[in-house]
Amino acid sequence: MSLIERMKAHFTDIGVRHLEAPEWGEEGKPLVIYFSPLTLAEKQKLQTIGERDGYVARLADALIMKAMDAEGKKLYTVADKHALRNQVDPDVLARVVLEMMSSPGVDEMGKGSSGTSE
């Protein structure tokens, strides 16, 4: 396997991860948000948004860009951006997005944030 193929395989092996947002759940169950790791292109896009619109806008855009349900369907659209920026607890939003944007450790690869394999 070539070097670039090994690098691509490593990224693929990280897989889809998940986290829980108890504040956004219902019926006593937390909202489970699934997400794949950020690509370099996505990081660049978010950096550009942050430079243009500020840190909070970047958080909303990251959530829109990456958050999925268990079936891989996007949880948010651009139409949700105004509400995310103005009507959602910024501390919860920041916590969720920062966890989504963090890189998994070597022993976390291929596992969700709960530590179980997907």
C-alpha atoms as a PDB file:
ATOM      1  CA  MET A   1       0.000   0.000   0.000  1.00  0.00           C
ATOM      2  CA  SER A   2       1.381   3.422  -0.920  1.00  0.00           C
ATOM      3  CA  LEU A   3       1.981   6.129   1.654  1.00  0.00           C
ATOM      4  CA  ILE A   4      -1.007   8.204   0.518  1.00  0.00           C
ATOM      5  CA  GLU A   5      -3.231   5.105   0.609  1.00  0.00           C
ATOM      6  CA  ARG A   6      -2.119   4.397   4.206  1.00  0.00           C
ATOM      7  CA  MET A   7      -2.853   8.012   5.134  1.00  0.00           C
ATOM      8  CA  LYS A   8      -6.311   7.825   3.569  1.00  0.00           C
ATOM      9  CA  ALA A   9      -7.004   4.490   5.278  1.00  0.00           C
ATOM     10  CA  HIS A  10      -6.052   5.992   8.640  1.00  0.00           C
ATOM     11  CA  PHE A  11      -8.563   8.829   8.135  1.00  0.00           C
ATOM     12  CA  THR A  12     -11.267   6.382   7.058  1.00  0.00           C
ATOM     13  CA  ASP A  13     -10.567   4.190  10.100  1.00  0.00           C
ATOM     14  CA  ILE A  14     -11.407   7.077  12.432  1.00  0.00           C
ATOM     15  CA  GLY A  15     -14.979   6.609  11.294  1.00  0.00           C
ATOM     16  CA  VAL A  16     -18.137   8.246  12.551  1.00  0.00           C
ATOM     17  CA  ARG A  17     -18.083   9.274  16.190  1.00  0.00           C
ATOM     18  CA  HIS A  18     -20.875  10.473  18.437  1.00  0.00           C
ATOM     19  CA  LEU A  19     -21.496  12.591  21.478  1.00  0.00           C
ATOM     20  CA  GLU A  20     -24.416  13.293  23.763  1.00  0.00           C
ATOM     21  CA  ALA A  21     -26.075  16.642  24.425  1.00  0.00           C
ATOM     22  CA  PRO A  22     -28.379  16.080  27.416  1.00  0.00           C
ATOM     23  CA  GLU A  23     -29.634  19.669  27.270  1.00  0.00           C
ATOM     24  CA  TRP A  24     -31.066  19.133  23.792  1.00  0.00           C
ATOM     25  CA  GLY A  25     -32.647  15.721  24.343  1.00  0.00           C
ATOM     26  CA  GLU A  26     -36.229  14.797  25.024  1.00  0.00           C
ATOM     27  CA  GLU A  27     -38.135  12.404  27.263  1.00  0.00           C
ATOM     28  CA  GLY A  28     -35.169  12.171  29.631  1.00  0.00           C
ATOM     29  CA  LYS A  29     -32.795  10.987  26.895  1.00  0.00           C
ATOM     30  CA  PRO A  30     -29.894  13.062  25.554  1.00  0.00           C
ATOM     31  CA  LEU A  31     -29.671  14.076  21.938  1.00  0.00           C
ATOM     32  CA  VAL A  32     -27.050  11.877  20.290  1.00  0.00           C
ATOM     33  CA  ILE A  33     -25.131  13.709  17.591  1.00  0.00           C
ATOM     34  CA  TYR A  34     -23.085  11.726  15.083  1.00  0.00           C
ATOM     35  CA  PHE A  35     -20.255  13.287  13.102  1.00  0.00           C
ATOM     36  CA  SER A  36     -17.282  12.405  10.963  1.00  0.00           C
ATOM     37  CA  PRO A  37     -13.908  14.056  11.506  1.00  0.00           C
ATOM     38  CA  LEU A  38     -13.236  17.391   9.871  1.00  0.00           C
ATOM     39  CA  THR A  39     -11.290  17.308   6.644  1.00  0.00           C
ATOM     40  CA  LEU A  40      -8.586  19.856   5.934  1.00  0.00           C
ATOM     41  CA  ALA A  41     -10.911  21.528   3.412  1.00  0.00           C
ATOM     42  CA  GLU A  42     -13.677  21.799   6.033  1.00  0.00           C
ATOM     43  CA  LYS A  43     -11.240  23.249   8.567  1.00  0.00           C
ATOM     44  CA  GLN A  44     -10.190  25.858   6.013  1.00  0.00           C
ATOM     45  CA  LYS A  45     -13.815  26.741   5.271  1.00  0.00           C
ATOM     46  CA  LEU A  46     -14.566  27.150   8.982  1.00  0.00           C
ATOM     47  CA  GLN A  47     -11.457  29.274   9.474  1.00  0.00           C
ATOM     48  CA  THR A  48     -12.535  31.556   6.629  1.00  0.00           C
ATOM     49  CA  ILE A  49     -16.034  31.854   8.130  1.00  0.00           C
ATOM     50  CA  GLY A  50     -14.499  32.664  11.513  1.00  0.00           C
ATOM     51  CA  GLU A  51     -12.298  35.374  10.031  1.00  0.00           C
ATOM     52  CA  ARG A  52     -15.236  36.893   8.180  1.00  0.00           C
ATOM     53  CA  ASP A  53     -18.150  36.438  10.596  1.00  0.00           C
ATOM     54  CA  GLY A  54     -16.527  35.685  13.957  1.00  0.00           C
ATOM     55  CA  TYR A  55     -16.100  32.744  16.287  1.00  0.00           C
ATOM     56  CA  VAL A  56     -19.778  32.189  17.084  1.00  0.00           C
ATOM     57  CA  ALA A  57     -20.732  32.018  13.412  1.00  0.00           C
ATOM     58  CA  ARG A  58     -18.044  29.408  12.937  1.00  0.00           C
ATOM     59  CA  LEU A  59     -19.562  27.305  15.725  1.00  0.00           C
ATOM     60  CA  ALA A  60     -22.996  27.405  14.116  1.00  0.00           C
ATOM     61  CA  ASP A  61     -21.556  26.561  10.698  1.00  0.00           C
ATOM     62  CA  ALA A  62     -19.567  23.638  12.110  1.00  0.00           C
ATOM     63  CA  LEU A  63     -22.710  22.184  13.660  1.00  0.00           C
ATOM     64  CA  ILE A  64     -24.623  22.631  10.407  1.00  0.00           C
ATOM     65  CA  MET A  65     -21.757  21.094   8.438  1.00  0.00           C
ATOM     66  CA  LYS A  66     -21.098  18.010  10.562  1.00  0.00           C
ATOM     67  CA  ALA A  67     -24.017  17.035  12.854  1.00  0.00           C
ATOM     68  CA  MET A  68     -25.938  13.937  11.730  1.00  0.00           C
ATOM     69  CA  ASP A  69     -28.449  11.488  13.134  1.00  0.00           C
ATOM     70  CA  ALA A  70     -27.741   7.746  13.435  1.00  0.00           C
ATOM     71  CA  GLU A  71     -28.714   7.222   9.788  1.00  0.00           C
ATOM     72  CA  GLY A  72     -26.322   9.910   8.530  1.00  0.00           C
ATOM     73  CA  LYS A  73     -28.981  12.557   7.824  1.00  0.00           C
ATOM     74  CA  LYS A  74     -27.971  16.161   8.558  1.00  0.00           C
ATOM     75  CA  LEU A  75     -29.564  17.477  11.730  1.00  0.00           C
ATOM     76  CA  TYR A  76     -29.361  21.152  10.733  1.00  0.00           C
ATOM     77  CA  THR A  77     -29.512  23.249   7.581  1.00  0.00           C
ATOM     78  CA  VAL A  78     -28.412  26.762   6.714  1.00  0.00           C
ATOM     79  CA  ALA A  79     -32.002  27.798   7.528  1.00  0.00           C
ATOM     80  CA  ASP A  80     -31.209  26.961  11.184  1.00  0.00           C
ATOM     81  CA  LYS A  81     -28.185  29.276  11.324  1.00  0.00           C
ATOM     82  CA  HIS A  82     -30.056  32.325  12.649  1.00  0.00           C
ATOM     83  CA  ALA A  83     -31.615  30.308  15.482  1.00  0.00           C
ATOM     84  CA  LEU A  84     -28.292  28.652  16.306  1.00  0.00           C
ATOM     85  CA  ARG A  85     -26.597  32.041  16.499  1.00  0.00           C
ATOM     86  CA  ASN A  86     -29.334  33.858  18.414  1.00  0.00           C
ATOM     87  CA  GLN A  87     -31.632  31.460  20.250  1.00  0.00           C
ATOM     88  CA  VAL A  88     -29.476  28.554  21.455  1.00  0.00           C
ATOM     89  CA  ASP A  89     -27.399  28.388  24.634  1.00  0.00           C
ATOM     90  CA  PRO A  90     -23.943  29.434  23.397  1.00  0.00           C
ATOM     91  CA  ASP A  91     -22.142  27.468  26.120  1.00  0.00           C
ATOM     92  CA  VAL A  92     -23.811  24.193  25.150  1.00  0.00           C
ATOM     93  CA  LEU A  93     -23.289  24.907  21.455  1.00  0.00           C
ATOM     94  CA  ALA A  94     -19.614  25.666  22.045  1.00  0.00           C
ATOM     95  CA  ARG A  95     -19.104  22.519  24.141  1.00  0.00           C
ATOM     96  CA  VAL A  96     -20.734  20.294  21.525  1.00  0.00           C
ATOM     97  CA  VAL A  97     -18.874  21.801  18.581  1.00  0.00           C
ATOM     98  CA  LEU A  98     -15.509  21.827  20.333  1.00  0.00           C
ATOM     99  CA  GLU A  99     -15.926  18.129  21.092  1.00  0.00           C
ATOM    100  CA  MET A 100     -16.880  17.499  17.472  1.00  0.00           C
ATOM    101  CA  MET A 101     -13.842  19.414  16.229  1.00  0.00           C
ATOM    102  CA  SER A 102     -11.344  17.717  18.527  1.00  0.00           C
ATOM    103  CA  SER A 103      -9.189  15.024  17.031  1.00  0.00           C
ATOM    104  CA  PRO A 104      -9.616  11.528  18.433  1.00  0.00           C
ATOM    105  CA  GLY A 105      -6.736  10.034  20.330  1.00  0.00           C
ATOM    106  CA  VAL A 106      -5.020   6.914  19.066  1.00  0.00           C
ATOM    107  CA  ASP A 107      -7.007   4.684  21.414  1.00  0.00           C
ATOM    108  CA  GLU A 108     -10.290   6.418  20.495  1.00  0.00           C
ATOM    109  CA  MET A 109     -10.051   5.808  16.730  1.00  0.00           C
ATOM    110  CA  GLY A 110     -13.045   3.949  15.420  1.00  0.00           C
ATOM    111  CA  LYS A 111     -14.941   4.483  18.671  1.00  0.00           C
ATOM    112  CA  GLY A 112     -17.652   6.921  19.658  1.00  0.00           C
ATOM    113  CA  SER A 113     -17.158   9.325  22.536  1.00  0.00           C
ATOM    114  CA  SER A 114     -18.813   6.809  24.814  1.00  0.00           C
ATOM    115  CA  GLY A 115     -15.851   4.516  24.230  1.00  0.00           C
ATOM    116  CA  THR A 116     -17.826   1.845  22.401  1.00  0.00           C
ATOM    117  CA  SER A 117     -17.199   0.740  18.846  1.00  0.00           C
ATOM    118  CA  GLU A 118     -19.641   1.972  16.237  1.00  0.00           C
END
